[in-house]
Amino acid sequence: MKIRKGDTVFIRTGKSAGQTGKVLYVDLKKDSVLIEGINMIKRHQKPTQKSPKGGIITIEAPVHISNVALYSNTLNGPTKLSSKVIDDGGKKQKIRICRKTGEQI
């Protein structure tokens, strides 16, 4: 999966289309990502010892990975990724590169 925790992503489709946000969690089994402040849903919660009042809470819901693209600050828009293996003092390291600008992400 090319999108990782901490990346800034662009939402392509859905009710939050056109917005950007930071990835909080990546679920590899379900191919979904949790994005900060995007795809907010409301859930009813019973009173518990942790939250004695209960009530309606607003949380982020996961978004499928196919509906997001990595966001490039230099392009101010979505971009595709490619990878490249470089040699750092005998160690091989795989880096992610923006296809349009060629810069390392």
Protein backbone atom coordinates (compact mmCIF):
# COMPACT_ATOMS: atom_id res chain seq x y z
CA MET A 1 0.00 0.00 0.00
CA LYS A 2 1.45 3.35 -1.01
CA ILE A 3 -0.35 5.52 1.54
CA ARG A 4 1.05 5.51 5.07
CA LYS A 5 0.17 6.94 8.46
CA GLY A 6 1.00 10.65 8.62
CA ASP A 7 0.59 11.31 4.88
CA THR A 8 -1.62 14.12 3.63
CA VAL A 9 -4.24 12.78 1.24
CA PHE A 10 -6.80 14.23 -1.18
CA ILE A 11 -10.35 12.78 -1.17
CA ARG A 12 -11.43 12.00 -4.73
CA THR A 13 -15.03 10.82 -4.31
CA GLY A 14 -17.83 10.67 -1.76
CA LYS A 15 -19.44 13.29 0.42
CA SER A 16 -16.02 14.70 1.41
CA ALA A 17 -14.71 14.97 -2.16
CA GLY A 18 -12.14 17.71 -2.72
CA GLN A 19 -11.01 17.91 0.90
CA THR A 20 -7.58 17.07 2.27
CA GLY A 21 -6.58 15.55 5.58
CA LYS A 22 -3.90 13.70 7.50
CA VAL A 23 -4.00 9.88 7.69
CA LEU A 24 -4.45 8.66 11.27
CA TYR A 25 -4.67 4.90 10.68
CA VAL A 26 -4.26 2.46 7.77
CA ASP A 27 -6.18 -0.84 7.84
CA LEU A 28 -4.44 -3.29 5.50
CA LYS A 29 -7.06 -6.04 5.83
CA LYS A 30 -9.99 -3.83 4.83
CA ASP A 31 -8.00 -1.56 2.46
CA SER A 32 -9.23 1.54 4.24
CA VAL A 33 -7.76 4.63 5.88
CA LEU A 34 -8.93 6.83 8.73
CA ILE A 35 -8.46 10.53 7.94
CA GLU A 36 -8.49 13.34 10.47
CA GLY A 37 -11.68 15.43 10.21
CA ILE A 38 -13.01 13.60 7.11
CA ASN A 39 -16.11 11.38 6.76
CA MET A 40 -17.51 12.32 10.16
CA ILE A 41 -20.43 10.23 11.44
CA LYS A 42 -22.61 10.42 14.54
CA ARG A 43 -22.99 7.51 16.94
CA HIS A 44 -25.29 7.12 19.94
CA GLN A 45 -23.42 6.09 23.07
CA LYS A 46 -24.86 4.66 26.28
CA PRO A 47 -23.76 6.16 29.58
CA THR A 48 -20.70 4.35 30.98
CA GLN A 49 -18.26 4.98 33.79
CA LYS A 50 -15.87 6.71 31.39
CA SER A 51 -18.59 8.95 29.94
CA PRO A 52 -21.42 9.16 32.47
CA LYS A 53 -23.61 11.38 30.28
CA GLY A 54 -23.44 9.30 27.10
CA GLY A 55 -25.23 10.98 24.22
CA ILE A 56 -24.40 11.50 20.57
CA ILE A 57 -20.70 11.53 19.64
CA THR A 58 -19.08 12.47 16.33
CA ILE A 59 -16.21 10.28 15.08
CA GLU A 60 -14.28 9.67 11.86
CA ALA A 61 -15.31 6.72 9.71
CA PRO A 62 -12.86 4.86 7.45
CA VAL A 63 -12.57 5.68 3.74
CA HIS A 64 -11.65 3.06 1.13
CA ILE A 65 -8.11 3.41 -0.18
CA SER A 66 -9.31 3.68 -3.79
CA ASN A 67 -11.11 6.94 -2.99
CA VAL A 68 -7.99 8.81 -1.83
CA ALA A 69 -4.81 10.04 -3.52
CA LEU A 70 -1.60 11.35 -2.04
CA TYR A 71 -1.56 15.16 -1.84
CA SER A 72 1.48 17.11 -2.99
CA ASN A 73 2.08 20.52 -1.40
CA THR A 74 4.23 21.71 -4.30
CA LEU A 75 1.53 20.88 -6.87
CA ASN A 76 -1.37 21.82 -4.57
CA GLY A 77 -3.21 18.73 -5.75
CA PRO A 78 -3.20 14.95 -5.94
CA THR A 79 -0.26 13.04 -7.34
CA LYS A 80 0.80 9.51 -8.20
CA LEU A 81 3.74 7.74 -6.61
CA SER A 82 6.61 5.67 -7.86
CA SER A 83 9.35 4.01 -5.87
CA LYS A 84 13.10 3.89 -6.27
CA VAL A 85 15.80 1.89 -4.54
CA ILE A 86 18.88 3.88 -3.54
CA ASP A 87 22.16 2.71 -2.01
CA ASP A 88 23.18 4.51 1.20
CA GLY A 89 26.59 3.28 2.33
CA GLY A 90 25.93 -0.39 1.64
CA LYS A 91 22.28 -0.25 2.76
CA LYS A 92 19.54 -0.43 0.16
CA GLN A 93 16.66 1.88 0.91
CA LYS A 94 13.34 2.16 -0.90
CA ILE A 95 12.03 5.72 -1.23
CA ARG A 96 8.76 7.15 -2.56
CA ILE A 97 8.93 9.69 -5.38
CA CYS A 98 6.30 12.05 -6.81
CA ARG A 99 5.82 11.19 -10.50
CA LYS A 100 5.16 14.74 -11.70
CA THR A 101 7.90 16.64 -9.86
CA GLY A 102 10.39 13.85 -9.13
CA GLU A 103 10.85 14.93 -5.51
CA GLN A 104 11.07 12.53 -2.58
CA ILE A 105 8.01 12.20 -0.37
